[in-house]
């Protein structure tokens, strides 16, 4: 049985450019404008894109773990952008014999049942070390909110892994938390110049 193509940064970037990147003026969540739009969900929900993303994000998680000298129990981040990333990374971990569980951080507390911010919490005992995932870092505000919610849930964040740094100051804001931040790509990796 085939196990899929070798994970490739170059191929993942091709998929991101083909499926997620648009050169057009957009208003960012922070209120500024940008000459390009990135919707990484279009790649993360694509079968081959999820394959490459899961393995490359998992490799980045392993590098952060090695630097911290520990092994994490979970990966996740703010819904909706981090949801497919967490699942793909979790699945990639199984191929190495690990169970790195996925979790989802809600924007609003669940209105019934447990009333929790974090889904998947049953797989993560109190004090579990976790890595936060993000698709595109602009201001870093979504990840900072996820970080706050994860701490409230008595989990221990040890690092942040993102697909793309927009180079808009968000990574610096995240680094001020004291956590290491790794991004697979920056805005400079995309075809921003509209000239042929």
C-alpha atoms as a PDB file:
ATOM      1  CA  UNK A   1       0.000   0.000   0.000  1.00  0.00           C
ATOM      2  CA  UNK A   2       1.327   3.450  -0.915  1.00  0.00           C
ATOM      3  CA  UNK A   3       1.979   5.845   1.967  1.00  0.00           C
ATOM      4  CA  UNK A   4       1.822   9.067  -0.024  1.00  0.00           C
ATOM      5  CA  UNK A   5       4.425  11.436  -1.464  1.00  0.00           C
ATOM      6  CA  UNK A   6       7.415  12.624   0.517  1.00  0.00           C
ATOM      7  CA  UNK A   7       6.490  15.803   2.422  1.00  0.00           C
ATOM      8  CA  UNK A   8       7.822  18.760   0.451  1.00  0.00           C
ATOM      9  CA  UNK A   9       8.109  22.460   1.346  1.00  0.00           C
ATOM     10  CA  UNK A  10       8.374  23.301  -2.357  1.00  0.00           C
ATOM     11  CA  UNK A  11       5.234  21.343  -3.272  1.00  0.00           C
ATOM     12  CA  UNK A  12       3.297  22.789  -0.349  1.00  0.00           C
ATOM     13  CA  UNK A  13       4.242  26.302  -1.457  1.00  0.00           C
ATOM     14  CA  UNK A  14       3.017  25.483  -4.984  1.00  0.00           C
ATOM     15  CA  UNK A  15      -0.314  24.378  -3.536  1.00  0.00           C
ATOM     16  CA  UNK A  16      -0.572  27.475  -1.352  1.00  0.00           C
ATOM     17  CA  UNK A  17       0.097  29.751  -4.335  1.00  0.00           C
ATOM     18  CA  UNK A  18      -2.333  27.817  -6.538  1.00  0.00           C
ATOM     19  CA  UNK A  19      -5.175  27.372  -4.028  1.00  0.00           C
ATOM     20  CA  UNK A  20      -4.807  29.947  -1.249  1.00  0.00           C
ATOM     21  CA  UNK A  21      -3.074  33.022  -2.670  1.00  0.00           C
ATOM     22  CA  UNK A  22      -4.796  35.911  -4.440  1.00  0.00           C
ATOM     23  CA  UNK A  23      -3.133  39.126  -5.535  1.00  0.00           C
ATOM     24  CA  UNK A  24      -5.775  41.753  -4.724  1.00  0.00           C
ATOM     25  CA  UNK A  25      -6.344  44.560  -2.250  1.00  0.00           C
ATOM     26  CA  UNK A  26      -7.952  43.343   0.959  1.00  0.00           C
ATOM     27  CA  UNK A  27      -8.799  44.853   4.323  1.00  0.00           C
ATOM     28  CA  UNK A  28      -7.085  42.993   7.146  1.00  0.00           C
ATOM     29  CA  UNK A  29      -8.697  42.135  10.465  1.00  0.00           C
ATOM     30  CA  UNK A  30      -6.426  44.709  12.104  1.00  0.00           C
ATOM     31  CA  UNK A  31      -7.919  47.413   9.874  1.00  0.00           C
ATOM     32  CA  UNK A  32      -5.026  47.968   7.456  1.00  0.00           C
ATOM     33  CA  UNK A  33      -4.904  46.943   3.813  1.00  0.00           C
ATOM     34  CA  UNK A  34      -2.773  44.462   1.937  1.00  0.00           C
ATOM     35  CA  UNK A  35      -2.067  43.791  -1.729  1.00  0.00           C
ATOM     36  CA  UNK A  36      -2.634  40.047  -1.308  1.00  0.00           C
ATOM     37  CA  UNK A  37      -5.010  37.606   0.336  1.00  0.00           C
ATOM     38  CA  UNK A  38      -4.161  34.205   1.794  1.00  0.00           C
ATOM     39  CA  UNK A  39      -6.872  31.692   2.628  1.00  0.00           C
ATOM     40  CA  UNK A  40      -4.824  28.731   3.855  1.00  0.00           C
ATOM     41  CA  UNK A  41      -7.968  26.697   4.574  1.00  0.00           C
ATOM     42  CA  UNK A  42      -8.281  26.063   0.820  1.00  0.00           C
ATOM     43  CA  UNK A  43      -4.955  24.209   0.951  1.00  0.00           C
ATOM     44  CA  UNK A  44      -5.410  22.685   4.411  1.00  0.00           C
ATOM     45  CA  UNK A  45      -8.717  21.123   3.328  1.00  0.00           C
ATOM     46  CA  UNK A  46      -7.238  19.823   0.062  1.00  0.00           C
ATOM     47  CA  UNK A  47      -6.155  16.184   0.392  1.00  0.00           C
ATOM     48  CA  UNK A  48      -2.573  16.604  -0.835  1.00  0.00           C
ATOM     49  CA  UNK A  49      -2.256  19.976   0.871  1.00  0.00           C
ATOM     50  CA  UNK A  50      -3.279  18.465   4.204  1.00  0.00           C
ATOM     51  CA  UNK A  51      -0.739  15.677   3.722  1.00  0.00           C
ATOM     52  CA  UNK A  52       2.178  18.071   3.217  1.00  0.00           C
ATOM     53  CA  UNK A  53       0.959  20.510   5.873  1.00  0.00           C
ATOM     54  CA  UNK A  54       0.517  17.818   8.488  1.00  0.00           C
ATOM     55  CA  UNK A  55       3.990  16.403   8.016  1.00  0.00           C
ATOM     56  CA  UNK A  56       5.766  19.754   7.741  1.00  0.00           C
ATOM     57  CA  UNK A  57       3.956  21.211  10.755  1.00  0.00           C
ATOM     58  CA  UNK A  58       4.709  18.029  12.700  1.00  0.00           C
ATOM     59  CA  UNK A  59       8.411  18.352  11.815  1.00  0.00           C
ATOM     60  CA  UNK A  60       8.359  21.961  13.070  1.00  0.00           C
ATOM     61  CA  UNK A  61       6.642  20.817  16.280  1.00  0.00           C
ATOM     62  CA  UNK A  62       9.370  18.197  16.791  1.00  0.00           C
ATOM     63  CA  UNK A  63      12.071  20.873  16.372  1.00  0.00           C
ATOM     64  CA  UNK A  64      10.411  23.063  19.021  1.00  0.00           C
ATOM     65  CA  UNK A  65      10.097  20.049  21.324  1.00  0.00           C
ATOM     66  CA  UNK A  66      13.782  19.202  20.893  1.00  0.00           C
ATOM     67  CA  UNK A  67      14.761  22.793  21.716  1.00  0.00           C
ATOM     68  CA  UNK A  68      12.529  22.745  24.813  1.00  0.00           C
ATOM     69  CA  UNK A  69      13.703  19.286  25.860  1.00  0.00           C
ATOM     70  CA  UNK A  70      10.212  17.838  26.202  1.00  0.00           C
ATOM     71  CA  UNK A  71       7.475  16.096  24.268  1.00  0.00           C
ATOM     72  CA  UNK A  72       4.088  17.750  23.803  1.00  0.00           C
ATOM     73  CA  UNK A  73       0.740  16.061  24.267  1.00  0.00           C
ATOM     74  CA  UNK A  74      -1.378  18.254  21.976  1.00  0.00           C
ATOM     75  CA  UNK A  75      -1.485  20.707  19.074  1.00  0.00           C
ATOM     76  CA  UNK A  76      -4.231  23.166  18.260  1.00  0.00           C
ATOM     77  CA  UNK A  77      -5.312  26.752  18.018  1.00  0.00           C
ATOM     78  CA  UNK A  78      -8.099  29.183  17.377  1.00  0.00           C
ATOM     79  CA  UNK A  79     -11.013  27.935  15.308  1.00  0.00           C
ATOM     80  CA  UNK A  80     -11.449  27.983  12.319  1.00  0.00           C
ATOM     81  CA  UNK A  81      -8.000  28.477  10.822  1.00  0.00           C
ATOM     82  CA  UNK A  82      -6.163  26.031  13.080  1.00  0.00           C
ATOM     83  CA  UNK A  83      -8.765  23.244  12.991  1.00  0.00           C
ATOM     84  CA  UNK A  84      -7.565  21.397   9.862  1.00  0.00           C
ATOM     85  CA  UNK A  85      -3.932  22.086  10.809  1.00  0.00           C
ATOM     86  CA  UNK A  86      -4.331  20.409  14.187  1.00  0.00           C
ATOM     87  CA  UNK A  87      -5.992  17.352  12.655  1.00  0.00           C
ATOM     88  CA  UNK A  88      -3.378  16.998   9.902  1.00  0.00           C
ATOM     89  CA  UNK A  89      -0.503  17.373  12.392  1.00  0.00           C
ATOM     90  CA  UNK A  90      -2.075  14.897  14.785  1.00  0.00           C
ATOM     91  CA  UNK A  91      -2.482  12.334  12.002  1.00  0.00           C
ATOM     92  CA  UNK A  92       1.127  12.842  10.888  1.00  0.00           C
ATOM     93  CA  UNK A  93       2.282  12.055  14.435  1.00  0.00           C
ATOM     94  CA  UNK A  94       0.634   8.624  14.305  1.00  0.00           C
ATOM     95  CA  UNK A  95       2.940   7.604  11.430  1.00  0.00           C
ATOM     96  CA  UNK A  96       5.862   7.990  13.850  1.00  0.00           C
ATOM     97  CA  UNK A  97       4.212   5.962  16.602  1.00  0.00           C
ATOM     98  CA  UNK A  98       3.029   8.955  18.627  1.00  0.00           C
ATOM     99  CA  UNK A  99      -0.358  10.193  19.692  1.00  0.00           C
ATOM    100  CA  UNK A 100      -0.097  13.970  19.484  1.00  0.00           C
ATOM    101  CA  UNK A 101      -3.723  14.929  20.077  1.00  0.00           C
ATOM    102  CA  UNK A 102      -5.555  17.750  18.298  1.00  0.00           C
ATOM    103  CA  UNK A 103      -7.542  20.401  20.146  1.00  0.00           C
ATOM    104  CA  UNK A 104      -9.682  23.353  19.094  1.00  0.00           C
ATOM    105  CA  UNK A 105      -9.946  26.707  20.866  1.00  0.00           C
ATOM    106  CA  UNK A 106     -13.410  28.280  20.636  1.00  0.00           C
ATOM    107  CA  UNK A 107     -13.840  32.006  20.091  1.00  0.00           C
ATOM    108  CA  UNK A 108     -16.738  31.974  22.539  1.00  0.00           C
ATOM    109  CA  UNK A 109     -17.211  29.720  25.530  1.00  0.00           C
ATOM    110  CA  UNK A 110     -19.475  26.753  24.825  1.00  0.00           C
ATOM    111  CA  UNK A 111     -22.982  27.772  25.887  1.00  0.00           C
ATOM    112  CA  UNK A 112     -23.972  24.391  27.298  1.00  0.00           C
ATOM    113  CA  UNK A 113     -22.450  21.161  28.604  1.00  0.00           C
ATOM    114  CA  UNK A 114     -18.937  21.799  29.923  1.00  0.00           C
ATOM    115  CA  UNK A 115     -18.937  25.504  29.039  1.00  0.00           C
ATOM    116  CA  UNK A 116     -15.309  25.073  27.978  1.00  0.00           C
ATOM    117  CA  UNK A 117     -13.212  27.076  25.551  1.00  0.00           C
ATOM    118  CA  UNK A 118     -11.111  24.075  24.474  1.00  0.00           C
ATOM    119  CA  UNK A 119     -12.514  21.080  22.580  1.00  0.00           C
ATOM    120  CA  UNK A 120     -10.569  17.835  22.880  1.00  0.00           C
ATOM    121  CA  UNK A 121      -9.679  18.610  26.503  1.00  0.00           C
ATOM    122  CA  UNK A 122     -10.427  15.027  27.639  1.00  0.00           C
ATOM    123  CA  UNK A 123      -7.248  13.917  25.841  1.00  0.00           C
ATOM    124  CA  UNK A 124      -5.132  16.564  27.599  1.00  0.00           C
ATOM    125  CA  UNK A 125      -4.598  16.196  31.366  1.00  0.00           C
ATOM    126  CA  UNK A 126      -3.968  19.361  33.393  1.00  0.00           C
ATOM    127  CA  UNK A 127      -0.419  20.564  32.851  1.00  0.00           C
ATOM    128  CA  UNK A 128      -0.091  18.988  29.394  1.00  0.00           C
ATOM    129  CA  UNK A 129       2.520  20.738  27.225  1.00  0.00           C
ATOM    130  CA  UNK A 130       0.985  21.878  23.928  1.00  0.00           C
ATOM    131  CA  UNK A 131       1.979  23.708  20.758  1.00  0.00           C
ATOM    132  CA  UNK A 132      -0.279  26.386  19.276  1.00  0.00           C
ATOM    133  CA  UNK A 133      -0.891  26.353  15.530  1.00  0.00           C
ATOM    134  CA  UNK A 134      -1.892  29.242  13.269  1.00  0.00           C
ATOM    135  CA  UNK A 135      -2.423  29.569   9.539  1.00  0.00           C
ATOM    136  CA  UNK A 136      -1.432  33.190   8.803  1.00  0.00           C
ATOM    137  CA  UNK A 137       0.137  35.513  11.369  1.00  0.00           C
ATOM    138  CA  UNK A 138      -0.755  39.160  10.780  1.00  0.00           C
ATOM    139  CA  UNK A 139      -1.107  40.924  14.142  1.00  0.00           C
ATOM    140  CA  UNK A 140      -0.902  37.715  16.168  1.00  0.00           C
ATOM    141  CA  UNK A 141      -4.114  38.628  18.031  1.00  0.00           C
ATOM    142  CA  UNK A 142      -5.940  35.355  17.303  1.00  0.00           C
ATOM    143  CA  UNK A 143      -3.024  33.313  18.615  1.00  0.00           C
ATOM    144  CA  UNK A 144      -2.674  35.567  21.669  1.00  0.00           C
ATOM    145  CA  UNK A 145      -6.352  34.946  22.432  1.00  0.00           C
ATOM    146  CA  UNK A 146      -5.860  31.196  21.948  1.00  0.00           C
ATOM    147  CA  UNK A 147      -2.866  31.349  24.273  1.00  0.00           C
ATOM    148  CA  UNK A 148      -4.953  33.024  26.969  1.00  0.00           C
ATOM    149  CA  UNK A 149      -7.702  30.395  26.643  1.00  0.00           C
ATOM    150  CA  UNK A 150      -5.231  27.506  26.742  1.00  0.00           C
ATOM    151  CA  UNK A 151      -3.684  28.893  29.936  1.00  0.00           C
ATOM    152  CA  UNK A 152      -7.149  29.242  31.474  1.00  0.00           C
ATOM    153  CA  UNK A 153      -7.670  25.545  30.714  1.00  0.00           C
ATOM    154  CA  UNK A 154      -4.514  24.677  32.705  1.00  0.00           C
ATOM    155  CA  UNK A 155      -2.507  23.590  29.675  1.00  0.00           C
ATOM    156  CA  UNK A 156       1.116  24.626  29.183  1.00  0.00           C
ATOM    157  CA  UNK A 157       1.963  26.208  25.798  1.00  0.00           C
ATOM    158  CA  UNK A 158       5.604  25.693  24.834  1.00  0.00           C
ATOM    159  CA  UNK A 159       5.704  27.157  21.312  1.00  0.00           C
ATOM    160  CA  UNK A 160       3.828  28.436  18.268  1.00  0.00           C
ATOM    161  CA  UNK A 161       3.987  27.101  14.702  1.00  0.00           C
ATOM    162  CA  UNK A 162       2.376  28.957  11.781  1.00  0.00           C
ATOM    163  CA  UNK A 163       2.180  28.411   8.063  1.00  0.00           C
ATOM    164  CA  UNK A 164       2.834  32.010   6.937  1.00  0.00           C
ATOM    165  CA  UNK A 165       4.255  35.130   8.564  1.00  0.00           C
ATOM    166  CA  UNK A 166       2.703  38.115   6.764  1.00  0.00           C
ATOM    167  CA  UNK A 167       5.648  40.222   7.986  1.00  0.00           C
ATOM    168  CA  UNK A 168       3.183  42.665   9.566  1.00  0.00           C
ATOM    169  CA  UNK A 169       4.543  42.604  13.118  1.00  0.00           C
ATOM    170  CA  UNK A 170       2.546  39.651  14.416  1.00  0.00           C
ATOM    171  CA  UNK A 171       5.492  37.318  14.949  1.00  0.00           C
ATOM    172  CA  UNK A 172       7.252  39.944  17.076  1.00  0.00           C
ATOM    173  CA  UNK A 173       4.080  40.306  19.168  1.00  0.00           C
ATOM    174  CA  UNK A 174       3.967  36.539  19.680  1.00  0.00           C
ATOM    175  CA  UNK A 175       7.656  36.380  20.560  1.00  0.00           C
ATOM    176  CA  UNK A 176       7.048  38.899  23.332  1.00  0.00           C
ATOM    177  CA  UNK A 177       5.137  36.124  25.154  1.00  0.00           C
ATOM    178  CA  UNK A 178       8.477  34.372  25.593  1.00  0.00           C
ATOM    179  CA  UNK A 179       7.398  31.438  23.430  1.00  0.00           C
ATOM    180  CA  UNK A 180       9.444  30.356  20.402  1.00  0.00           C
ATOM    181  CA  UNK A 181       7.696  30.980  17.076  1.00  0.00           C
ATOM    182  CA  UNK A 182       8.324  29.049  13.856  1.00  0.00           C
ATOM    183  CA  UNK A 183       6.777  29.861  10.460  1.00  0.00           C
ATOM    184  CA  UNK A 184       7.038  27.614   7.412  1.00  0.00           C
ATOM    185  CA  UNK A 185       6.962  30.596   5.018  1.00  0.00           C
ATOM    186  CA  UNK A 186       6.887  34.386   4.983  1.00  0.00           C
ATOM    187  CA  UNK A 187       5.021  36.775   2.683  1.00  0.00           C
ATOM    188  CA  UNK A 188       8.236  37.101   0.684  1.00  0.00           C
ATOM    189  CA  UNK A 189       7.858  33.492  -0.492  1.00  0.00           C
ATOM    190  CA  UNK A 190       4.738  34.437  -2.484  1.00  0.00           C
ATOM    191  CA  UNK A 191       4.553  36.127  -5.921  1.00  0.00           C
ATOM    192  CA  UNK A 192       3.709  39.620  -4.648  1.00  0.00           C
ATOM    193  CA  UNK A 193       5.153  41.460  -7.666  1.00  0.00           C
ATOM    194  CA  UNK A 194       2.399  41.827 -10.278  1.00  0.00           C
ATOM    195  CA  UNK A 195       4.846  42.428 -13.148  1.00  0.00           C
ATOM    196  CA  UNK A 196       5.341  39.488 -15.549  1.00  0.00           C
END
